Amino acid sequence: MSETDERALVIIANLQSFSDRGITLYLNGKESNPVEIAECFVNEDTMYMPDYVIDETGTIREVRYDRVVYQ
C-alpha cells in the first residue's frame, strides 16, 4: 500500500467518526462524504480548512472543508 493510500485511509477513518456521530460533512459548500473529501485531500495540491459549526449547546453539527486560496 502506498503512503498516499495510507494517508487516505487515516483521513477517511477520522471523517467517518464525525459522520457516524451524525455530523454533516461539506466540501466547498456541498454536502459530501468521507471518501470524497479524503480523495481531494490526498490528490490535490491545495489546502483545505475545516470550519466547525456548533449548535447552541456547543455540539458540533457540521464540518465544512473549504479550499484555501492564496492571493
C-alpha atoms as a PDB file:
ATOM      1  CA  MET A   1       0.000   0.000   0.000  1.00  0.00           C
ATOM      2  CA  SER A   2       1.381   3.409  -0.942  1.00  0.00           C
ATOM      3  CA  GLU A   3       1.909   6.248   1.504  1.00  0.00           C
ATOM      4  CA  THR A   4      -0.877   8.183  -0.256  1.00  0.00           C
ATOM      5  CA  ASP A   5      -3.277   5.266   0.193  1.00  0.00           C
ATOM      6  CA  GLU A   6      -2.358   5.004   3.861  1.00  0.00           C
ATOM      7  CA  ARG A   7      -2.941   8.742   4.367  1.00  0.00           C
ATOM      8  CA  ALA A   8      -6.315   8.479   2.639  1.00  0.00           C
ATOM      9  CA  LEU A   9      -7.396   5.599   4.894  1.00  0.00           C
ATOM     10  CA  VAL A  10      -6.480   7.553   8.027  1.00  0.00           C
ATOM     11  CA  ILE A  11      -8.364  10.626   6.790  1.00  0.00           C
ATOM     12  CA  ILE A  12     -11.413   8.531   5.846  1.00  0.00           C
ATOM     13  CA  ALA A  13     -11.469   6.899   9.281  1.00  0.00           C
ATOM     14  CA  ASN A  14     -11.274  10.283  11.031  1.00  0.00           C
ATOM     15  CA  LEU A  15     -14.015  11.787   8.869  1.00  0.00           C
ATOM     16  CA  GLN A  16     -16.164   8.672   9.232  1.00  0.00           C
ATOM     17  CA  SER A  17     -16.093   9.135  13.008  1.00  0.00           C
ATOM     18  CA  PHE A  18     -17.710  12.553  12.504  1.00  0.00           C
ATOM     19  CA  SER A  19     -20.266  11.117  10.106  1.00  0.00           C
ATOM     20  CA  ASP A  20     -21.096   8.245  12.483  1.00  0.00           C
ATOM     21  CA  ARG A  21     -21.974  10.809  15.158  1.00  0.00           C
ATOM     22  CA  GLY A  22     -24.458  12.497  12.842  1.00  0.00           C
ATOM     23  CA  ILE A  23     -22.178  15.387  11.909  1.00  0.00           C
ATOM     24  CA  THR A  24     -22.784  16.538   8.341  1.00  0.00           C
ATOM     25  CA  LEU A  25     -19.686  16.981   6.184  1.00  0.00           C
ATOM     26  CA  TYR A  26     -19.340  19.583   3.431  1.00  0.00           C
ATOM     27  CA  LEU A  27     -16.685  20.132   0.791  1.00  0.00           C
ATOM     28  CA  ASN A  28     -16.555  23.547  -0.878  1.00  0.00           C
ATOM     29  CA  GLY A  29     -20.158  24.299   0.066  1.00  0.00           C
ATOM     30  CA  LYS A  30     -21.704  20.969  -0.975  1.00  0.00           C
ATOM     31  CA  GLU A  31     -22.703  18.100   1.281  1.00  0.00           C
ATOM     32  CA  SER A  32     -20.078  15.390   0.923  1.00  0.00           C
ATOM     33  CA  ASN A  33     -18.788  12.131   2.380  1.00  0.00           C
ATOM     34  CA  PRO A  34     -15.523  10.927   3.938  1.00  0.00           C
ATOM     35  CA  VAL A  35     -14.212   9.216   0.787  1.00  0.00           C
ATOM     36  CA  GLU A  36     -14.788  12.205  -1.499  1.00  0.00           C
ATOM     37  CA  ILE A  37     -13.178  14.600   0.965  1.00  0.00           C
ATOM     38  CA  ALA A  38     -10.172  12.320   1.542  1.00  0.00           C
ATOM     39  CA  GLU A  39      -9.622  11.967  -2.212  1.00  0.00           C
ATOM     40  CA  CYS A  40      -9.404  15.739  -2.540  1.00  0.00           C
ATOM     41  CA  PHE A  41      -7.031  15.995   0.404  1.00  0.00           C
ATOM     42  CA  VAL A  42      -4.525  13.485  -0.971  1.00  0.00           C
ATOM     43  CA  ASN A  43      -4.902  14.011  -4.738  1.00  0.00           C
ATOM     44  CA  GLU A  44      -4.908  17.795  -4.981  1.00  0.00           C
ATOM     45  CA  ASP A  45      -2.018  20.140  -4.467  1.00  0.00           C
ATOM     46  CA  THR A  46      -4.043  22.510  -2.312  1.00  0.00           C
ATOM     47  CA  MET A  47      -5.036  23.110   1.307  1.00  0.00           C
ATOM     48  CA  TYR A  48      -8.477  22.745   2.869  1.00  0.00           C
ATOM     49  CA  MET A  49      -9.512  24.468   6.079  1.00  0.00           C
ATOM     50  CA  PRO A  50     -12.183  22.979   8.343  1.00  0.00           C
ATOM     51  CA  ASP A  51     -14.889  25.155   9.832  1.00  0.00           C
ATOM     52  CA  TYR A  52     -16.669  23.522  12.766  1.00  0.00           C
ATOM     53  CA  VAL A  53     -20.316  24.605  13.050  1.00  0.00           C
ATOM     54  CA  ILE A  54     -21.764  24.149  16.526  1.00  0.00           C
ATOM     55  CA  ASP A  55     -25.260  24.487  17.918  1.00  0.00           C
ATOM     56  CA  GLU A  56     -26.351  26.488  20.954  1.00  0.00           C
ATOM     57  CA  THR A  57     -25.221  23.691  23.313  1.00  0.00           C
ATOM     58  CA  GLY A  58     -21.704  23.576  21.860  1.00  0.00           C
ATOM     59  CA  THR A  59     -22.251  20.308  19.968  1.00  0.00           C
ATOM     60  CA  ILE A  60     -20.593  20.032  16.552  1.00  0.00           C
ATOM     61  CA  ARG A  61     -23.305  19.757  13.875  1.00  0.00           C
ATOM     62  CA  GLU A  62     -21.336  20.324  10.673  1.00  0.00           C
ATOM     63  CA  VAL A  63     -17.753  20.331   9.480  1.00  0.00           C
ATOM     64  CA  ARG A  64     -17.212  22.405   6.357  1.00  0.00           C
ATOM     65  CA  TYR A  65     -13.996  21.991   4.400  1.00  0.00           C
ATOM     66  CA  ASP A  66     -13.213  24.856   2.062  1.00  0.00           C
ATOM     67  CA  ARG A  67     -10.293  25.187  -0.302  1.00  0.00           C
ATOM     68  CA  VAL A  68      -7.787  27.797   0.817  1.00  0.00           C
ATOM     69  CA  VAL A  69      -6.899  30.205  -1.969  1.00  0.00           C
ATOM     70  CA  TYR A  70      -3.679  32.138  -1.578  1.00  0.00           C
ATOM     71  CA  GLN A  71      -3.518  35.553  -3.207  1.00  0.00           C
END
